[in-house]
Amino acid sequence: MNLNYKQINCLKYLEQIFLLLNQSNIKFFLEAGTLLKFNRYKKIFPSTDIDLGFYYKDRYKILNFLKRLSRRGFRVELQNNFPIFIDHAKVYFPNSYMGSSKHIDFYIYKENSDYLYLPRIHKPDKKSLFSTYLFYLINKLQKINIKIKSKIVRSIINKLVQLYLKKGKRDSWKFRKKYLNYLKRKKVSFTNFNLDVNIPIMEKAYLRARYGVDWMMPPKSNWHKRLTLK
């Protein structure tokens, strides 16, 4: 498949980010919808976003890496602007970017004895009115305090955050460690461009756990035909 200028532009930015991640000794892999596309179509033609997975043990390296990207013109948003950062970041491309994908999602997996999991504190369980209301109250106060910079409001926000973390319900995800702990390198090949990516060795087991037994079946719509970088 031949790529047009905008498609090559997008992949070159990805290549740059992957190179910087490797130079920073940060392990990462294709994740979620991007990994699903790669398995279904052997391509990673991004649409609105690109999903990458990381490990929580590298969180300080990741934070330093995100600061490095900011200095290069990328815009970074931590945890959807929630007051604390745990497991998610969005990286928006700089103004020079010409592709169609708006951002890259960084999913940072924590772990316990059996699972890798995403707390997803920025995603309250919508079935819990208490959690949803508390989350939006925190965000509202956070936006107000960005302008007024009040120590009292900051103290209230901190207490509400602790209450949310302790009592709130979130839309969290967890997967068996073996599904995501071991990676392999794959090459995404086009007629005039190649991109090396990392994917979980047990990718199919992971995708089955995340998307269900029918994960390989494309949607009934023509969604896969729109996987281009126009």
Protein backbone atom coordinates (compact mmCIF):
# COMPACT_ATOMS: atom_id res chain seq x y z
CA MET A 1 0.00 0.00 0.00
CA ASN A 2 1.32 3.43 -0.96
CA LEU A 3 1.04 6.19 1.63
CA ASN A 4 0.17 9.80 0.95
CA TYR A 5 1.97 12.76 2.52
CA LYS A 6 -0.36 13.04 5.51
CA GLN A 7 -0.08 9.34 6.28
CA ILE A 8 3.73 9.46 6.12
CA ASN A 9 3.72 12.59 8.29
CA CYS A 10 1.75 10.81 11.01
CA LEU A 11 3.97 7.74 10.93
CA LYS A 12 7.12 9.86 11.07
CA TYR A 13 5.88 11.50 14.26
CA LEU A 14 5.16 8.06 15.71
CA GLU A 15 8.61 6.89 14.65
CA GLN A 16 10.13 9.90 16.43
CA ILE A 17 8.18 9.19 19.63
CA PHE A 18 9.02 5.47 19.56
CA LEU A 19 12.71 6.31 19.09
CA LEU A 20 12.66 8.72 22.04
CA LEU A 21 10.89 6.13 24.21
CA ASN A 22 13.54 3.53 23.38
CA GLN A 23 16.31 6.04 24.09
CA SER A 24 14.68 6.74 27.46
CA ASN A 25 14.60 2.98 28.21
CA ILE A 26 10.82 3.02 28.59
CA LYS A 27 8.97 -0.17 27.67
CA PHE A 28 5.78 0.40 25.69
CA PHE A 29 3.42 -1.57 23.46
CA LEU A 30 0.44 -1.17 21.17
CA GLU A 31 -2.67 -1.17 23.31
CA ALA A 32 -6.48 -1.23 23.16
CA GLY A 33 -8.02 -0.14 19.85
CA THR A 34 -4.67 0.32 18.10
CA LEU A 35 -3.64 -3.25 18.94
CA LEU A 36 -7.07 -4.45 17.85
CA LYS A 37 -6.68 -2.75 14.45
CA PHE A 38 -3.21 -4.22 14.05
CA ASN A 39 -4.55 -7.74 14.65
CA ARG A 40 -7.58 -7.34 12.40
CA TYR A 41 -5.95 -5.55 9.49
CA LYS A 42 -2.16 -5.76 10.09
CA LYS A 43 -2.09 -1.97 9.91
CA ILE A 44 -2.16 0.86 12.40
CA PHE A 45 -3.89 3.55 10.40
CA PRO A 46 -4.85 5.82 13.32
CA SER A 47 -8.22 7.47 13.37
CA THR A 48 -8.90 9.83 16.27
CA ASP A 49 -6.19 8.50 18.60
CA ILE A 50 -3.34 6.03 19.06
CA ASP A 51 -3.20 3.79 22.13
CA LEU A 52 0.06 2.85 23.84
CA GLY A 53 0.51 0.79 27.02
CA PHE A 54 3.19 1.31 29.68
CA TYR A 55 4.22 -0.08 33.07
CA TYR A 56 3.80 1.82 36.33
CA LYS A 57 7.35 1.03 37.42
CA ASP A 58 8.49 3.46 34.68
CA ARG A 59 6.18 6.29 35.83
CA TYR A 60 9.01 8.71 36.72
CA LYS A 61 10.71 8.05 33.39
CA ILE A 62 7.36 8.58 31.67
CA LEU A 63 6.81 11.92 33.43
CA ASN A 64 10.27 13.10 32.40
CA PHE A 65 9.57 11.89 28.86
CA LEU A 66 6.30 13.84 28.73
CA LYS A 67 8.13 16.98 29.85
CA ARG A 68 10.61 16.35 27.05
CA LEU A 69 7.77 16.13 24.52
CA SER A 70 6.30 19.39 25.86
CA ARG A 71 9.58 21.13 25.12
CA ARG A 72 9.33 19.81 21.55
CA GLY A 73 5.92 21.42 20.97
CA PHE A 74 3.62 18.57 21.99
CA ARG A 75 0.79 19.36 24.42
CA VAL A 76 0.41 16.97 27.34
CA GLU A 77 -2.74 16.48 29.41
CA LEU A 78 -2.47 14.33 32.56
CA GLN A 79 -5.42 12.27 33.79
CA ASN A 80 -7.94 14.39 31.82
CA ASN A 81 -6.87 17.35 34.03
CA PHE A 82 -7.92 15.57 37.23
CA PRO A 83 -5.94 16.94 40.23
CA ILE A 84 -3.74 13.85 40.59
CA PHE A 85 -1.89 11.75 38.01
CA ILE A 86 -1.86 7.95 38.20
CA ASP A 87 -2.38 6.05 34.98
CA HIS A 88 -3.35 8.12 31.93
CA ALA A 89 -1.94 10.89 29.76
CA LYS A 90 -2.90 12.38 26.41
CA VAL A 91 -0.21 13.67 24.09
CA TYR A 92 -1.44 16.11 21.43
CA PHE A 93 0.68 16.59 18.33
CA PRO A 94 2.45 19.92 17.71
CA ASN A 95 1.19 22.54 15.25
CA SER A 96 3.48 21.23 12.51
CA TYR A 97 1.63 17.90 12.51
CA MET A 98 -0.41 17.23 9.33
CA GLY A 99 -2.05 13.86 10.09
CA SER A 100 -5.64 13.20 11.20
CA SER A 101 -5.05 11.55 14.59
CA LYS A 102 -5.61 14.10 17.33
CA HIS A 103 -3.56 12.57 20.12
CA ILE A 104 -1.81 9.55 21.63
CA ASP A 105 -3.24 7.91 24.77
CA PHE A 106 -0.67 6.68 27.30
CA TYR A 107 -2.16 3.92 29.50
CA ILE A 108 0.09 3.20 32.48
CA TYR A 109 -0.58 -0.19 34.07
CA LYS A 110 -0.17 -0.74 37.81
CA GLU A 111 0.26 -4.28 39.09
CA ASN A 112 -0.46 -6.57 42.01
CA SER A 113 0.41 -10.23 42.52
CA ASP A 114 -1.92 -11.48 39.77
CA TYR A 115 -3.01 -8.59 37.57
CA LEU A 116 -1.99 -5.53 35.63
CA TYR A 117 -4.70 -2.93 36.06
CA LEU A 118 -5.73 0.62 35.22
CA PRO A 119 -7.45 2.44 38.13
CA ARG A 120 -8.85 5.01 35.65
CA ILE A 121 -9.58 7.56 38.37
CA HIS A 122 -10.74 9.99 35.68
CA LYS A 123 -13.58 7.60 34.74
CA PRO A 124 -16.15 7.44 37.58
CA ASP A 125 -18.65 4.59 37.49
CA LYS A 126 -21.72 6.23 35.95
CA LYS A 127 -23.94 3.80 37.85
CA SER A 128 -22.76 5.39 41.09
CA LEU A 129 -24.35 8.82 41.54
CA PHE A 130 -22.10 9.52 44.52
CA SER A 131 -18.92 8.81 42.54
CA THR A 132 -20.10 10.74 39.47
CA TYR A 133 -21.21 13.79 41.44
CA LEU A 134 -18.05 13.84 43.56
CA PHE A 135 -15.84 13.55 40.47
CA TYR A 136 -17.50 16.46 38.70
CA LEU A 137 -17.48 18.55 41.88
CA ILE A 138 -13.71 18.03 42.14
CA ASN A 139 -13.22 18.98 38.50
CA LYS A 140 -15.41 22.07 38.89
CA LEU A 141 -13.45 23.28 41.92
CA GLN A 142 -10.20 22.49 40.13
CA LYS A 143 -11.15 24.72 37.17
CA ILE A 144 -12.20 27.53 39.53
CA ASN A 145 -8.99 27.29 41.53
CA ILE A 146 -6.81 27.50 38.43
CA LYS A 147 -8.08 31.08 38.18
CA ILE A 148 -8.29 32.13 41.84
CA LYS A 149 -5.38 30.07 43.24
CA SER A 150 -6.87 29.75 46.73
CA LYS A 151 -5.11 27.63 49.37
CA ILE A 152 -8.45 27.02 51.07
CA VAL A 153 -10.05 25.71 47.87
CA ARG A 154 -6.93 23.60 47.22
CA SER A 155 -7.28 22.06 50.69
CA ILE A 156 -10.97 21.27 50.01
CA ILE A 157 -10.05 19.69 46.67
CA ASN A 158 -7.39 17.50 48.31
CA LYS A 159 -9.88 16.25 50.90
CA LEU A 160 -12.49 15.52 48.25
CA VAL A 161 -9.91 13.66 46.14
CA GLN A 162 -9.00 11.47 49.12
CA LEU A 163 -12.70 10.77 49.69
CA TYR A 164 -13.14 9.91 46.00
CA LEU A 165 -10.16 7.55 46.03
CA LYS A 166 -11.36 5.86 49.20
CA LYS A 167 -15.12 5.64 48.63
CA GLY A 168 -15.70 6.34 44.94
CA LYS A 169 -16.26 3.69 42.30
CA ARG A 170 -14.35 3.87 39.03
CA ASP A 171 -14.61 2.17 35.67
CA SER A 172 -11.33 0.31 36.16
CA TRP A 173 -9.81 -2.46 34.02
CA LYS A 174 -7.64 -5.40 34.99
CA PHE A 175 -5.97 -8.21 33.05
CA ARG A 176 -3.80 -11.17 33.98
CA LYS A 177 -0.17 -10.14 34.16
CA LYS A 178 0.95 -12.78 31.68
CA TYR A 179 -1.22 -11.19 28.98
CA LEU A 180 0.76 -7.93 28.93
CA ASN A 181 4.06 -8.54 30.70
CA TYR A 182 5.96 -10.07 27.76
CA LEU A 183 6.49 -8.20 24.51
CA LYS A 184 7.71 -8.93 20.99
CA ARG A 185 8.79 -6.65 18.16
CA LYS A 186 6.78 -6.48 14.94
CA LYS A 187 7.25 -4.46 11.76
CA VAL A 188 4.37 -2.59 10.16
CA SER A 189 5.30 -2.45 6.48
CA PHE A 190 4.06 -0.14 3.74
CA THR A 191 5.36 0.33 0.22
CA ASN A 192 7.40 3.37 1.19
CA PHE A 193 7.60 3.24 4.99
CA ASN A 194 8.32 0.77 7.81
CA LEU A 195 7.56 1.18 11.51
CA ASP A 196 8.76 -1.13 14.29
CA VAL A 197 6.22 -1.65 17.09
CA ASN A 198 6.01 -3.68 20.30
CA ILE A 199 3.03 -5.93 20.98
CA PRO A 200 2.20 -8.35 23.82
CA ILE A 201 3.22 -11.95 23.12
CA MET A 202 -0.21 -13.05 24.43
CA GLU A 203 -2.00 -10.38 22.41
CA LYS A 204 -4.91 -12.60 21.41
CA ALA A 205 -5.64 -13.65 25.00
CA TYR A 206 -5.54 -10.01 26.06
CA LEU A 207 -7.83 -8.86 23.25
CA ARG A 208 -10.27 -11.67 24.05
CA ALA A 209 -10.32 -10.59 27.70
CA ARG A 210 -10.85 -6.95 26.76
CA TYR A 211 -13.24 -7.15 23.83
CA GLY A 212 -14.87 -10.58 24.18
CA VAL A 213 -14.70 -13.81 22.23
CA ASP A 214 -15.76 -12.12 18.97
CA TRP A 215 -12.96 -9.55 19.07
CA MET A 216 -11.68 -10.51 15.60
CA MET A 217 -15.03 -9.84 13.96
CA PRO A 218 -15.09 -6.32 12.47
CA PRO A 219 -18.14 -4.10 13.07
CA LYS A 220 -20.98 -4.45 10.60
CA SER A 221 -20.38 -0.89 9.43
CA ASN A 222 -17.63 0.09 6.98
CA TRP A 223 -15.46 1.30 9.87
CA HIS A 224 -12.37 -0.61 8.71
CA LYS A 225 -12.56 1.04 5.28
CA ARG A 226 -12.21 4.44 6.96
CA LEU A 227 -8.91 3.56 8.65
CA THR A 228 -6.91 6.12 6.70
CA LEU A 229 -5.01 9.24 7.61
CA LYS A 230 -6.74 11.81 5.44
